[in-house]
């Protein structure tokens, strides 16, 4: 994919996508480090990063198996966490491509690529933003996992240096400008409250599904 293909997106969107991919890469370093520190050989987190490409499920998998749980239970938990991909798939069904390309388009579907995809003004921009973000994360994530596995050999406690906090911090910085609009702020605030309220009652990764209920407060006005 050439730079010319993505040029209609504008530099601000491309920069934001790059920052999110970079943040994902930093989280991938943490993931690779934690996996290797937990006794997993490098090929396990690397294969998960290539074939699953879903950070929350991958973290959950190594946490369950590393704690003595069954790999089948860990895989089932990962599927539950990724249940949010069902509504995601409906939202981006016109962005993933057709025929053979749709397989790749579905594989790179994640929270970030969906958000960038559906937030653009035209179908052309939505599709290009979706693919740029999805492909970027598909590249950054496994490379960062390898780097994390190497770096983890020299860092006694990855959490102590705060790598796990980088990703949410960058996301917050990116969404603050959008929250200036009342039309966006009300659904986002309602969704956040619903999601937080659901945390004690549902498995990790599921509260984001409940946050979609905030869209019920959406109003078609500026």
N, C-alpha and C. Protein backbone atom coordinates (compact mmCIF):
# COMPACT_ATOMS: atom_id res chain seq x y z
N UNK A 1 0.84 -1.19 0.00
CA UNK A 1 0.00 0.00 0.00
C UNK A 1 0.88 1.24 0.00
N UNK A 2 0.68 2.09 -0.99
CA UNK A 2 1.54 3.26 -1.14
C UNK A 2 1.03 4.42 -0.31
N UNK A 3 1.93 5.40 -0.08
CA UNK A 3 1.55 6.60 0.66
C UNK A 3 0.47 7.37 -0.09
N UNK A 4 0.50 7.29 -1.44
CA UNK A 4 -0.48 8.00 -2.26
C UNK A 4 -1.89 7.46 -2.01
N UNK A 5 -1.99 6.15 -1.75
CA UNK A 5 -3.29 5.52 -1.51
C UNK A 5 -3.96 6.12 -0.28
N UNK A 6 -3.15 6.47 0.76
CA UNK A 6 -3.71 6.97 2.00
C UNK A 6 -3.74 8.49 2.08
N UNK A 7 -3.26 9.19 1.05
CA UNK A 7 -3.16 10.65 1.10
C UNK A 7 -4.48 11.37 1.34
N UNK A 8 -5.64 10.87 0.86
CA UNK A 8 -6.89 11.59 1.13
C UNK A 8 -7.26 11.69 2.61
N UNK A 9 -6.64 10.89 3.46
CA UNK A 9 -6.96 10.90 4.89
C UNK A 9 -6.55 12.20 5.57
N UNK A 10 -5.50 12.81 5.08
CA UNK A 10 -4.99 14.01 5.73
C UNK A 10 -3.94 13.67 6.77
N UNK A 11 -3.04 14.59 7.01
CA UNK A 11 -1.91 14.33 7.90
C UNK A 11 -2.33 14.12 9.35
N UNK A 12 -3.41 14.79 9.79
CA UNK A 12 -3.84 14.65 11.18
C UNK A 12 -4.32 13.22 11.47
N UNK A 13 -5.09 12.66 10.56
CA UNK A 13 -5.59 11.29 10.75
C UNK A 13 -4.46 10.29 10.70
N UNK A 14 -3.56 10.46 9.72
CA UNK A 14 -2.43 9.55 9.59
C UNK A 14 -1.54 9.61 10.84
N UNK A 15 -1.34 10.82 11.35
CA UNK A 15 -0.52 10.99 12.56
C UNK A 15 -1.19 10.31 13.76
N UNK A 16 -2.50 10.48 13.88
CA UNK A 16 -3.22 9.86 14.99
C UNK A 16 -3.15 8.34 14.91
N UNK A 17 -3.27 7.80 13.71
CA UNK A 17 -3.18 6.35 13.52
C UNK A 17 -1.78 5.86 13.88
N UNK A 18 -0.78 6.62 13.47
CA UNK A 18 0.60 6.23 13.81
C UNK A 18 0.81 6.20 15.32
N UNK A 19 0.28 7.20 16.01
CA UNK A 19 0.45 7.26 17.46
C UNK A 19 -0.23 6.07 18.15
N UNK A 20 -1.40 5.69 17.65
CA UNK A 20 -2.11 4.55 18.22
C UNK A 20 -1.33 3.26 17.94
N UNK A 21 -0.80 3.12 16.75
CA UNK A 21 0.02 1.94 16.42
C UNK A 21 1.27 1.90 17.29
N UNK A 22 1.87 3.06 17.52
CA UNK A 22 3.04 3.13 18.38
C UNK A 22 2.68 2.75 19.81
N UNK A 23 1.54 3.23 20.28
CA UNK A 23 1.08 2.88 21.63
C UNK A 23 0.84 1.38 21.74
N UNK A 24 0.24 0.81 20.70
CA UNK A 24 0.04 -0.65 20.68
C UNK A 24 1.37 -1.37 20.73
N UNK A 25 2.35 -0.82 20.04
CA UNK A 25 3.68 -1.43 20.05
C UNK A 25 4.29 -1.42 21.45
N UNK A 26 4.09 -0.34 22.19
CA UNK A 26 4.61 -0.27 23.56
C UNK A 26 3.91 -1.30 24.46
N UNK A 27 2.61 -1.47 24.24
CA UNK A 27 1.89 -2.50 25.00
C UNK A 27 2.39 -3.88 24.60
N UNK A 28 2.71 -4.05 23.31
CA UNK A 28 3.24 -5.33 22.84
C UNK A 28 4.58 -5.65 23.50
N UNK A 29 5.38 -4.63 23.75
CA UNK A 29 6.65 -4.85 24.46
C UNK A 29 6.36 -5.38 25.86
N UNK A 30 5.38 -4.80 26.52
CA UNK A 30 4.99 -5.26 27.85
C UNK A 30 4.49 -6.70 27.79
N UNK A 31 3.67 -7.00 26.78
CA UNK A 31 3.11 -8.35 26.63
C UNK A 31 4.20 -9.39 26.39
N UNK A 32 5.11 -9.09 25.47
CA UNK A 32 6.21 -10.02 25.18
C UNK A 32 7.08 -10.25 26.40
N UNK A 33 7.33 -9.18 27.14
CA UNK A 33 8.16 -9.29 28.34
C UNK A 33 7.49 -10.15 29.41
N UNK A 34 6.19 -9.90 29.62
CA UNK A 34 5.46 -10.64 30.65
C UNK A 34 5.33 -12.12 30.28
N UNK A 35 5.12 -12.40 28.99
CA UNK A 35 4.97 -13.79 28.56
C UNK A 35 6.25 -14.58 28.78
N UNK A 36 7.38 -14.01 28.36
CA UNK A 36 8.65 -14.70 28.52
C UNK A 36 9.02 -14.80 30.00
N UNK A 37 8.74 -13.75 30.77
CA UNK A 37 9.03 -13.78 32.20
C UNK A 37 8.17 -14.83 32.91
N UNK A 38 7.00 -15.14 32.32
CA UNK A 38 6.11 -16.13 32.90
C UNK A 38 6.46 -17.55 32.51
N UNK A 39 7.54 -17.73 31.77
CA UNK A 39 8.00 -19.07 31.43
C UNK A 39 7.60 -19.56 30.05
N UNK A 40 6.93 -18.73 29.26
CA UNK A 40 6.53 -19.15 27.91
C UNK A 40 7.70 -19.00 26.95
N UNK A 41 7.90 -19.96 26.04
CA UNK A 41 8.90 -19.77 24.98
C UNK A 41 8.43 -18.67 24.03
N UNK A 42 9.34 -18.02 23.37
CA UNK A 42 9.01 -16.88 22.51
C UNK A 42 7.95 -17.22 21.47
N UNK A 43 7.99 -18.45 20.94
CA UNK A 43 7.07 -18.78 19.84
C UNK A 43 5.61 -18.69 20.26
N UNK A 44 5.30 -18.86 21.55
CA UNK A 44 3.90 -18.81 21.99
C UNK A 44 3.32 -17.40 21.84
N UNK A 45 3.90 -16.38 22.49
CA UNK A 45 3.34 -15.04 22.29
C UNK A 45 3.47 -14.55 20.85
N UNK A 46 4.52 -14.99 20.15
CA UNK A 46 4.69 -14.55 18.76
C UNK A 46 3.59 -15.12 17.88
N UNK A 47 3.29 -16.42 18.01
CA UNK A 47 2.22 -17.03 17.20
C UNK A 47 0.86 -16.42 17.55
N UNK A 48 0.65 -16.16 18.84
CA UNK A 48 -0.61 -15.52 19.23
C UNK A 48 -0.73 -14.13 18.60
N UNK A 49 0.37 -13.40 18.58
CA UNK A 49 0.34 -12.04 18.02
C UNK A 49 0.09 -12.04 16.52
N UNK A 50 0.50 -13.10 15.84
CA UNK A 50 0.31 -13.20 14.39
C UNK A 50 -1.06 -13.76 14.03
N UNK A 51 -1.49 -14.78 14.76
CA UNK A 51 -2.70 -15.51 14.39
C UNK A 51 -3.96 -14.99 15.09
N UNK A 52 -3.82 -14.53 16.33
CA UNK A 52 -4.97 -14.02 17.07
C UNK A 52 -5.11 -12.51 16.87
N UNK A 53 -4.00 -11.80 17.03
CA UNK A 53 -3.94 -10.35 16.82
C UNK A 53 -5.03 -9.63 17.63
N UNK A 54 -5.13 -9.98 18.90
CA UNK A 54 -6.10 -9.35 19.79
C UNK A 54 -5.47 -9.28 21.18
N UNK A 55 -4.97 -8.11 21.52
CA UNK A 55 -4.15 -7.97 22.72
C UNK A 55 -4.82 -8.44 24.00
N UNK A 56 -6.09 -8.06 24.23
CA UNK A 56 -6.76 -8.43 25.47
C UNK A 56 -6.85 -9.95 25.61
N UNK A 57 -7.19 -10.64 24.52
CA UNK A 57 -7.30 -12.10 24.56
C UNK A 57 -5.94 -12.75 24.78
N UNK A 58 -4.91 -12.16 24.19
CA UNK A 58 -3.57 -12.72 24.35
C UNK A 58 -3.06 -12.56 25.78
N UNK A 59 -3.26 -11.40 26.36
CA UNK A 59 -2.89 -11.19 27.76
C UNK A 59 -3.65 -12.17 28.66
N UNK A 60 -4.94 -12.34 28.38
CA UNK A 60 -5.77 -13.23 29.19
C UNK A 60 -5.29 -14.67 29.05
N UNK A 61 -4.92 -15.06 27.85
CA UNK A 61 -4.47 -16.44 27.61
C UNK A 61 -3.22 -16.77 28.43
N UNK A 62 -2.22 -15.89 28.37
CA UNK A 62 -0.99 -16.20 29.10
C UNK A 62 -1.20 -16.10 30.60
N UNK A 63 -2.15 -15.23 31.03
CA UNK A 63 -2.43 -15.11 32.46
C UNK A 63 -3.07 -16.38 32.99
N UNK A 64 -4.02 -16.93 32.23
CA UNK A 64 -4.72 -18.14 32.68
C UNK A 64 -3.80 -19.36 32.63
N UNK A 65 -3.11 -19.54 31.51
CA UNK A 65 -2.22 -20.70 31.38
C UNK A 65 -1.04 -20.56 32.34
N UNK A 66 -0.49 -19.35 32.45
CA UNK A 66 0.62 -19.12 33.37
C UNK A 66 0.24 -19.37 34.82
N UNK A 67 -1.05 -19.20 35.13
CA UNK A 67 -1.53 -19.44 36.49
C UNK A 67 -1.95 -20.87 36.73
N UNK A 68 -1.70 -21.74 35.75
CA UNK A 68 -2.02 -23.16 35.91
C UNK A 68 -3.33 -23.59 35.28
N UNK A 69 -4.01 -22.70 34.57
CA UNK A 69 -5.28 -23.03 33.95
C UNK A 69 -5.11 -23.81 32.66
N UNK A 70 -6.20 -24.37 32.17
CA UNK A 70 -6.18 -25.15 30.92
C UNK A 70 -6.08 -24.23 29.71
N UNK A 71 -5.29 -24.61 28.70
CA UNK A 71 -5.26 -23.81 27.47
C UNK A 71 -6.62 -23.70 26.80
N UNK A 72 -7.45 -24.74 26.95
CA UNK A 72 -8.79 -24.71 26.34
C UNK A 72 -9.68 -23.69 27.06
N UNK A 73 -9.55 -23.63 28.38
CA UNK A 73 -10.30 -22.63 29.15
C UNK A 73 -9.82 -21.22 28.80
N UNK A 74 -8.51 -21.09 28.61
CA UNK A 74 -7.94 -19.79 28.24
C UNK A 74 -8.43 -19.36 26.86
N UNK A 75 -8.50 -20.32 25.92
CA UNK A 75 -8.99 -20.00 24.58
C UNK A 75 -10.46 -19.61 24.62
N UNK A 76 -11.25 -20.32 25.43
CA UNK A 76 -12.68 -19.99 25.56
C UNK A 76 -12.87 -18.60 26.15
N UNK A 77 -12.05 -18.27 27.14
CA UNK A 77 -12.13 -16.94 27.74
C UNK A 77 -11.76 -15.86 26.72
N UNK A 78 -10.75 -16.16 25.89
CA UNK A 78 -10.36 -15.22 24.85
C UNK A 78 -11.48 -14.98 23.84
N UNK A 79 -12.21 -16.06 23.50
CA UNK A 79 -13.34 -15.92 22.57
C UNK A 79 -14.43 -15.05 23.18
N UNK A 80 -14.65 -15.22 24.48
CA UNK A 80 -15.66 -14.42 25.16
C UNK A 80 -15.29 -12.94 25.16
N UNK A 81 -14.01 -12.68 25.44
CA UNK A 81 -13.54 -11.29 25.43
C UNK A 81 -13.72 -10.68 24.04
N UNK A 82 -13.49 -11.47 23.01
CA UNK A 82 -13.58 -10.95 21.65
C UNK A 82 -14.99 -11.00 21.07
N UNK A 83 -15.98 -11.26 21.92
CA UNK A 83 -17.37 -11.26 21.45
C UNK A 83 -17.75 -9.90 20.87
N UNK A 84 -17.07 -8.85 21.30
CA UNK A 84 -17.37 -7.51 20.79
C UNK A 84 -17.09 -7.39 19.31
N UNK A 85 -16.33 -8.34 18.73
CA UNK A 85 -16.04 -8.29 17.30
C UNK A 85 -17.28 -8.58 16.46
N UNK A 86 -18.29 -9.17 17.06
CA UNK A 86 -19.53 -9.42 16.31
C UNK A 86 -20.21 -8.10 15.91
N UNK A 87 -20.48 -7.19 16.85
CA UNK A 87 -21.04 -5.90 16.41
C UNK A 87 -20.03 -5.08 15.61
N UNK A 88 -18.74 -5.24 15.92
CA UNK A 88 -17.72 -4.54 15.13
C UNK A 88 -17.82 -4.96 13.66
N UNK A 89 -17.96 -6.27 13.43
CA UNK A 89 -18.03 -6.77 12.07
C UNK A 89 -19.20 -6.20 11.30
N UNK A 90 -20.33 -6.04 11.98
CA UNK A 90 -21.50 -5.44 11.34
C UNK A 90 -21.23 -3.99 10.98
N UNK A 91 -20.52 -3.30 11.87
CA UNK A 91 -20.26 -1.86 11.65
C UNK A 91 -19.31 -1.62 10.48
N UNK A 92 -18.40 -2.55 10.22
CA UNK A 92 -17.37 -2.32 9.18
C UNK A 92 -17.50 -3.30 8.02
N UNK A 93 -18.68 -3.88 7.84
CA UNK A 93 -18.84 -4.90 6.80
C UNK A 93 -18.54 -4.38 5.40
N UNK A 94 -18.69 -3.07 5.20
CA UNK A 94 -18.40 -2.49 3.89
C UNK A 94 -16.97 -1.98 3.77
N UNK A 95 -16.14 -2.22 4.81
CA UNK A 95 -14.77 -1.72 4.79
C UNK A 95 -13.73 -2.83 4.66
N UNK A 96 -14.12 -4.07 4.94
CA UNK A 96 -13.14 -5.16 5.01
C UNK A 96 -12.75 -5.72 3.65
N UNK A 97 -13.42 -5.29 2.59
CA UNK A 97 -13.08 -5.80 1.27
C UNK A 97 -14.00 -6.95 0.87
N UNK A 98 -13.69 -7.55 -0.26
CA UNK A 98 -14.52 -8.64 -0.78
C UNK A 98 -13.65 -9.83 -1.15
N UNK A 99 -14.29 -10.98 -1.25
CA UNK A 99 -13.64 -12.23 -1.64
C UNK A 99 -12.44 -12.52 -0.74
N UNK A 100 -11.28 -12.79 -1.35
CA UNK A 100 -10.10 -13.17 -0.57
C UNK A 100 -9.62 -12.07 0.37
N UNK A 101 -9.75 -10.82 -0.05
CA UNK A 101 -9.28 -9.71 0.79
C UNK A 101 -10.09 -9.57 2.07
N UNK A 102 -11.33 -10.05 2.05
CA UNK A 102 -12.16 -9.92 3.24
C UNK A 102 -11.61 -10.73 4.41
N UNK A 103 -10.90 -11.83 4.10
CA UNK A 103 -10.29 -12.62 5.18
C UNK A 103 -9.24 -11.80 5.91
N UNK A 104 -8.40 -11.12 5.13
CA UNK A 104 -7.38 -10.27 5.73
C UNK A 104 -8.02 -9.07 6.41
N UNK A 105 -9.04 -8.51 5.76
CA UNK A 105 -9.74 -7.36 6.34
C UNK A 105 -10.37 -7.67 7.68
N UNK A 106 -10.91 -8.88 7.81
CA UNK A 106 -11.49 -9.29 9.10
C UNK A 106 -10.41 -9.56 10.13
N UNK A 107 -9.26 -10.09 9.68
CA UNK A 107 -8.19 -10.41 10.61
C UNK A 107 -7.61 -9.16 11.27
N UNK A 108 -7.55 -8.06 10.54
CA UNK A 108 -6.97 -6.83 11.09
C UNK A 108 -8.02 -5.98 11.79
N UNK A 109 -9.22 -6.52 11.96
CA UNK A 109 -10.27 -5.78 12.67
C UNK A 109 -9.98 -5.78 14.17
N UNK A 110 -9.91 -4.61 14.75
CA UNK A 110 -9.71 -4.46 16.19
C UNK A 110 -10.36 -3.16 16.63
N UNK A 111 -10.32 -2.91 17.93
CA UNK A 111 -10.98 -1.70 18.46
C UNK A 111 -10.52 -0.45 17.73
N UNK A 112 -9.21 -0.33 17.54
CA UNK A 112 -8.64 0.89 16.98
C UNK A 112 -9.00 1.08 15.50
N UNK A 113 -8.85 0.01 14.71
CA UNK A 113 -9.14 0.14 13.27
C UNK A 113 -10.62 0.41 13.04
N UNK A 114 -11.48 -0.18 13.87
CA UNK A 114 -12.92 0.07 13.75
C UNK A 114 -13.24 1.53 14.07
N UNK A 115 -12.66 2.04 15.15
CA UNK A 115 -12.93 3.43 15.54
C UNK A 115 -12.49 4.39 14.45
N UNK A 116 -11.27 4.22 13.95
CA UNK A 116 -10.79 5.12 12.90
C UNK A 116 -11.60 4.94 11.62
N UNK A 117 -12.01 3.72 11.34
CA UNK A 117 -12.77 3.46 10.12
C UNK A 117 -14.12 4.14 10.11
N UNK A 118 -14.89 3.95 11.18
CA UNK A 118 -16.26 4.47 11.17
C UNK A 118 -16.34 5.96 11.47
N UNK A 119 -15.23 6.57 11.88
CA UNK A 119 -15.28 7.98 12.27
C UNK A 119 -14.96 8.94 11.13
N UNK A 120 -14.64 8.42 9.95
CA UNK A 120 -14.31 9.30 8.84
C UNK A 120 -15.57 9.76 8.09
N UNK A 121 -15.43 10.82 7.32
CA UNK A 121 -16.60 11.48 6.72
C UNK A 121 -17.14 10.76 5.49
N UNK A 122 -16.28 10.15 4.69
CA UNK A 122 -16.71 9.51 3.46
C UNK A 122 -16.34 8.03 3.47
N UNK A 123 -16.99 7.27 2.60
CA UNK A 123 -16.71 5.83 2.55
C UNK A 123 -15.25 5.58 2.15
N UNK A 124 -14.73 6.36 1.21
CA UNK A 124 -13.34 6.19 0.79
C UNK A 124 -12.38 6.39 1.95
N UNK A 125 -12.60 7.44 2.72
CA UNK A 125 -11.73 7.72 3.86
C UNK A 125 -11.91 6.68 4.96
N UNK A 126 -13.15 6.22 5.17
CA UNK A 126 -13.39 5.20 6.18
C UNK A 126 -12.62 3.91 5.87
N UNK A 127 -12.68 3.52 4.62
CA UNK A 127 -12.00 2.28 4.22
C UNK A 127 -10.49 2.41 4.34
N UNK A 128 -9.95 3.54 3.93
CA UNK A 128 -8.50 3.72 3.97
C UNK A 128 -8.00 3.85 5.41
N UNK A 129 -8.77 4.54 6.26
CA UNK A 129 -8.38 4.66 7.67
C UNK A 129 -8.42 3.30 8.34
N UNK A 130 -9.44 2.52 8.03
CA UNK A 130 -9.57 1.18 8.62
C UNK A 130 -8.37 0.31 8.25
N UNK A 131 -8.02 0.31 6.98
CA UNK A 131 -6.92 -0.55 6.52
C UNK A 131 -5.56 -0.05 6.99
N UNK A 132 -5.38 1.26 7.02
CA UNK A 132 -4.09 1.79 7.48
C UNK A 132 -3.87 1.45 8.95
N UNK A 133 -4.89 1.65 9.77
CA UNK A 133 -4.75 1.36 11.20
C UNK A 133 -4.62 -0.14 11.43
N UNK A 134 -5.46 -0.94 10.79
CA UNK A 134 -5.40 -2.38 10.98
C UNK A 134 -4.08 -2.98 10.53
N UNK A 135 -3.60 -2.56 9.36
CA UNK A 135 -2.33 -3.08 8.85
C UNK A 135 -1.16 -2.60 9.71
N UNK A 136 -1.26 -1.35 10.20
CA UNK A 136 -0.20 -0.83 11.05
C UNK A 136 -0.06 -1.61 12.34
N UNK A 137 -1.19 -1.90 12.97
CA UNK A 137 -1.16 -2.67 14.21
C UNK A 137 -0.69 -4.10 13.95
N UNK A 138 -1.12 -4.68 12.81
CA UNK A 138 -0.69 -6.04 12.46
C UNK A 138 0.82 -6.11 12.28
N UNK A 139 1.45 -4.99 11.93
CA UNK A 139 2.91 -4.94 11.79
C UNK A 139 3.58 -4.63 13.12
N UNK A 140 3.09 -3.60 13.80
CA UNK A 140 3.72 -3.15 15.05
C UNK A 140 3.63 -4.21 16.15
N UNK A 141 2.50 -4.90 16.23
CA UNK A 141 2.25 -5.79 17.37
C UNK A 141 3.25 -6.95 17.44
N UNK A 142 3.38 -7.79 16.42
CA UNK A 142 4.33 -8.91 16.53
C UNK A 142 5.79 -8.46 16.66
N UNK A 143 6.15 -7.37 15.97
CA UNK A 143 7.52 -6.88 16.08
C UNK A 143 7.81 -6.43 17.51
N UNK A 144 6.84 -5.76 18.13
CA UNK A 144 7.03 -5.29 19.50
C UNK A 144 7.05 -6.44 20.49
N UNK A 145 6.32 -7.52 20.18
CA UNK A 145 6.34 -8.70 21.06
C UNK A 145 7.74 -9.31 21.09
N UNK A 146 8.35 -9.39 19.92
CA UNK A 146 9.73 -9.92 19.84
C UNK A 146 10.67 -9.02 20.63
N UNK A 147 10.51 -7.70 20.43
CA UNK A 147 11.37 -6.76 21.15
C UNK A 147 11.16 -6.88 22.66
N UNK A 148 9.90 -7.03 23.07
CA UNK A 148 9.60 -7.16 24.49
C UNK A 148 10.20 -8.42 25.10
N UNK A 149 10.17 -9.51 24.35
CA UNK A 149 10.75 -10.75 24.85
C UNK A 149 12.24 -10.59 25.08
N UNK A 150 12.89 -9.83 24.21
CA UNK A 150 14.33 -9.60 24.37
C UNK A 150 14.60 -8.64 25.53
N UNK A 151 13.86 -7.54 25.57
CA UNK A 151 14.07 -6.54 26.62
C UNK A 151 13.73 -7.11 27.99
N UNK A 152 12.73 -7.97 28.03
CA UNK A 152 12.29 -8.53 29.30
C UNK A 152 13.36 -9.31 30.04
N UNK A 153 14.36 -9.76 29.32
CA UNK A 153 15.45 -10.49 29.97
C UNK A 153 16.27 -9.58 30.89
N UNK A 154 16.19 -8.27 30.66
CA UNK A 154 17.04 -7.34 31.41
C UNK A 154 16.25 -6.45 32.37
N UNK A 155 14.90 -6.59 32.38
CA UNK A 155 14.08 -5.76 33.26
C UNK A 155 13.39 -6.67 34.27
N UNK A 156 13.66 -6.50 35.55
CA UNK A 156 13.08 -7.39 36.56
C UNK A 156 11.57 -7.25 36.72
N UNK A 157 11.02 -6.04 36.53
CA UNK A 157 9.59 -5.83 36.70
C UNK A 157 9.10 -4.84 35.66
N UNK A 158 8.43 -5.35 34.59
CA UNK A 158 7.96 -4.50 33.50
C UNK A 158 6.93 -3.48 33.98
N UNK A 159 6.04 -3.88 34.88
CA UNK A 159 4.99 -2.98 35.34
C UNK A 159 5.56 -1.79 36.12
N UNK A 160 6.75 -1.98 36.68
CA UNK A 160 7.33 -0.92 37.50
C UNK A 160 7.68 0.32 36.68
N UNK A 161 7.92 0.15 35.37
CA UNK A 161 8.28 1.31 34.54
C UNK A 161 7.07 1.86 33.79
N UNK A 162 5.89 1.29 34.03
CA UNK A 162 4.66 1.89 33.53
C UNK A 162 4.34 1.68 32.07
N UNK A 163 4.90 0.67 31.41
CA UNK A 163 4.59 0.44 30.01
C UNK A 163 3.11 0.12 29.80
N UNK A 164 2.49 -0.52 30.80
CA UNK A 164 1.09 -0.91 30.66
C UNK A 164 0.14 0.29 30.70
N UNK A 165 0.65 1.46 31.09
CA UNK A 165 -0.21 2.66 31.17
C UNK A 165 -0.09 3.55 29.94
N UNK A 166 0.86 3.26 29.06
CA UNK A 166 1.11 4.13 27.91
C UNK A 166 -0.08 4.14 26.95
N UNK A 167 -0.60 2.97 26.64
CA UNK A 167 -1.67 2.87 25.64
C UNK A 167 -2.93 3.65 26.04
N UNK A 168 -3.49 3.41 27.24
CA UNK A 168 -4.68 4.19 27.61
C UNK A 168 -4.41 5.69 27.70
N UNK A 169 -3.19 6.06 28.07
CA UNK A 169 -2.86 7.49 28.16
C UNK A 169 -2.91 8.16 26.80
N UNK A 170 -2.37 7.50 25.78
CA UNK A 170 -2.39 8.06 24.42
C UNK A 170 -3.81 8.10 23.87
N UNK A 171 -4.60 7.06 24.14
CA UNK A 171 -5.98 7.07 23.68
C UNK A 171 -6.77 8.23 24.27
N UNK A 172 -6.56 8.49 25.56
CA UNK A 172 -7.24 9.61 26.20
C UNK A 172 -6.87 10.93 25.55
N UNK A 173 -5.58 11.07 25.23
CA UNK A 173 -5.11 12.30 24.59
C UNK A 173 -5.76 12.48 23.21
N UNK A 174 -6.01 11.38 22.51
CA UNK A 174 -6.59 11.46 21.17
C UNK A 174 -8.08 11.79 21.20
N UNK A 175 -8.80 11.32 22.23
CA UNK A 175 -10.25 11.51 22.22
C UNK A 175 -10.70 12.83 22.85
N UNK A 176 -9.83 13.49 23.60
CA UNK A 176 -10.23 14.72 24.27
C UNK A 176 -10.77 15.77 23.30
N UNK A 177 -10.14 16.01 22.12
CA UNK A 177 -10.70 17.02 21.21
C UNK A 177 -12.13 16.71 20.77
N UNK A 178 -12.44 15.42 20.57
CA UNK A 178 -13.80 15.05 20.14
C UNK A 178 -14.83 15.31 21.22
N UNK A 179 -14.40 15.28 22.48
CA UNK A 179 -15.33 15.46 23.59
C UNK A 179 -15.78 16.91 23.76
N UNK A 180 -15.21 17.81 22.98
CA UNK A 180 -15.66 19.21 23.03
C UNK A 180 -17.07 19.34 22.48
N UNK A 181 -17.45 18.43 21.60
CA UNK A 181 -18.78 18.45 21.01
C UNK A 181 -19.77 17.75 21.93
N UNK A 182 -20.89 18.43 22.24
CA UNK A 182 -21.91 17.84 23.11
C UNK A 182 -22.48 16.58 22.48
N UNK A 183 -22.56 16.58 21.18
CA UNK A 183 -23.12 15.44 20.44
C UNK A 183 -22.30 14.18 20.67
N UNK A 184 -21.00 14.35 20.87
CA UNK A 184 -20.11 13.21 21.15
C UNK A 184 -19.97 12.97 22.64
N UNK A 185 -19.92 14.06 23.40
CA UNK A 185 -19.62 13.96 24.83
C UNK A 185 -20.70 13.18 25.60
N UNK A 186 -21.97 13.39 25.28
CA UNK A 186 -23.04 12.74 26.02
C UNK A 186 -23.04 11.21 25.81
N UNK A 187 -23.03 10.72 24.55
CA UNK A 187 -22.97 9.26 24.37
C UNK A 187 -21.71 8.64 24.96
N UNK A 188 -20.56 9.34 24.82
CA UNK A 188 -19.30 8.81 25.35
C UNK A 188 -19.34 8.71 26.87
N UNK A 189 -19.88 9.75 27.52
CA UNK A 189 -19.96 9.75 28.99
C UNK A 189 -20.90 8.66 29.49
N UNK A 190 -22.05 8.52 28.83
CA UNK A 190 -23.01 7.49 29.23
C UNK A 190 -22.43 6.10 29.03
N UNK A 191 -21.75 5.91 27.90
CA UNK A 191 -21.13 4.62 27.64
C UNK A 191 -20.05 4.29 28.65
N UNK A 192 -19.27 5.29 29.04
CA UNK A 192 -18.21 5.07 30.04
C UNK A 192 -18.80 4.69 31.39
N UNK A 193 -19.87 5.36 31.79
CA UNK A 193 -20.51 5.05 33.08
C UNK A 193 -21.09 3.64 33.09
N UNK A 194 -21.74 3.27 31.99
CA UNK A 194 -22.31 1.92 31.89
C UNK A 194 -21.20 0.87 31.94
N UNK A 195 -20.11 1.15 31.23
CA UNK A 195 -18.99 0.21 31.19
C UNK A 195 -18.37 0.02 32.58
N UNK A 196 -18.15 1.13 33.29
CA UNK A 196 -17.57 1.05 34.64
C UNK A 196 -18.50 0.29 35.58
N UNK A 197 -19.81 0.54 35.46
CA UNK A 197 -20.77 -0.14 36.32
C UNK A 197 -20.79 -1.65 36.07
N UNK A 198 -20.47 -2.06 34.83
CA UNK A 198 -20.51 -3.48 34.48
C UNK A 198 -19.26 -4.25 34.90
N UNK A 199 -18.18 -3.53 35.21
CA UNK A 199 -16.90 -4.18 35.52
C UNK A 199 -16.98 -5.26 36.59
N UNK A 200 -17.65 -5.03 37.73
CA UNK A 200 -17.66 -6.07 38.77
C UNK A 200 -18.46 -7.32 38.41
N UNK A 201 -19.26 -7.24 37.34
CA UNK A 201 -20.22 -8.31 37.08
C UNK A 201 -19.92 -9.14 35.83
N UNK A 202 -19.00 -8.68 34.98
CA UNK A 202 -18.73 -9.41 33.73
C UNK A 202 -17.23 -9.64 33.58
N UNK A 203 -16.83 -10.60 32.73
CA UNK A 203 -15.40 -10.88 32.53
C UNK A 203 -14.66 -9.70 31.91
N UNK A 204 -13.34 -9.70 32.08
CA UNK A 204 -12.51 -8.65 31.50
C UNK A 204 -12.72 -8.58 30.00
N UNK A 205 -12.80 -7.37 29.47
CA UNK A 205 -12.99 -7.17 28.04
C UNK A 205 -14.44 -7.00 27.63
N UNK A 206 -15.38 -7.48 28.45
CA UNK A 206 -16.80 -7.40 28.12
C UNK A 206 -17.43 -6.04 28.39
N UNK A 207 -16.96 -5.27 29.40
CA UNK A 207 -17.62 -3.98 29.66
C UNK A 207 -17.68 -3.06 28.45
N UNK A 208 -16.72 -3.19 27.52
CA UNK A 208 -16.75 -2.34 26.33
C UNK A 208 -18.00 -2.59 25.50
N UNK A 209 -18.52 -3.83 25.54
CA UNK A 209 -19.76 -4.12 24.84
C UNK A 209 -20.93 -3.32 25.43
N UNK A 210 -20.96 -3.27 26.76
CA UNK A 210 -22.04 -2.54 27.43
C UNK A 210 -21.92 -1.04 27.18
N UNK A 211 -20.69 -0.57 26.95
CA UNK A 211 -20.51 0.86 26.69
C UNK A 211 -21.20 1.30 25.40
N UNK A 212 -21.45 0.34 24.48
CA UNK A 212 -22.13 0.67 23.24
C UNK A 212 -23.56 1.16 23.49
N UNK A 213 -24.11 0.83 24.66
CA UNK A 213 -25.46 1.31 24.99
C UNK A 213 -25.50 2.82 25.08
N UNK A 214 -24.34 3.45 25.28
CA UNK A 214 -24.29 4.90 25.31
C UNK A 214 -24.73 5.52 23.99
N UNK A 215 -24.65 4.73 22.91
CA UNK A 215 -25.07 5.25 21.60
C UNK A 215 -26.57 5.50 21.54
N UNK A 216 -27.31 4.93 22.47
CA UNK A 216 -28.75 5.16 22.51
C UNK A 216 -29.08 6.62 22.80
N UNK A 217 -28.11 7.34 23.37
CA UNK A 217 -28.33 8.77 23.66
C UNK A 217 -27.90 9.66 22.50
N UNK A 218 -27.47 9.05 21.40
CA UNK A 218 -26.99 9.81 20.24
C UNK A 218 -28.10 10.65 19.65
N UNK A 219 -27.78 11.85 19.32
CA UNK A 219 -28.75 12.73 18.66
C UNK A 219 -28.09 13.31 17.42
N UNK A 220 -28.81 13.35 16.36
CA UNK A 220 -28.28 13.83 15.08
C UNK A 220 -28.30 15.35 15.03
N UNK A 221 -27.46 15.94 15.87
CA UNK A 221 -27.36 17.39 15.88
C UNK A 221 -25.94 17.79 16.26
N UNK A 222 -25.51 18.95 15.95
CA UNK A 222 -24.18 19.44 16.24
C UNK A 222 -24.15 20.02 17.64
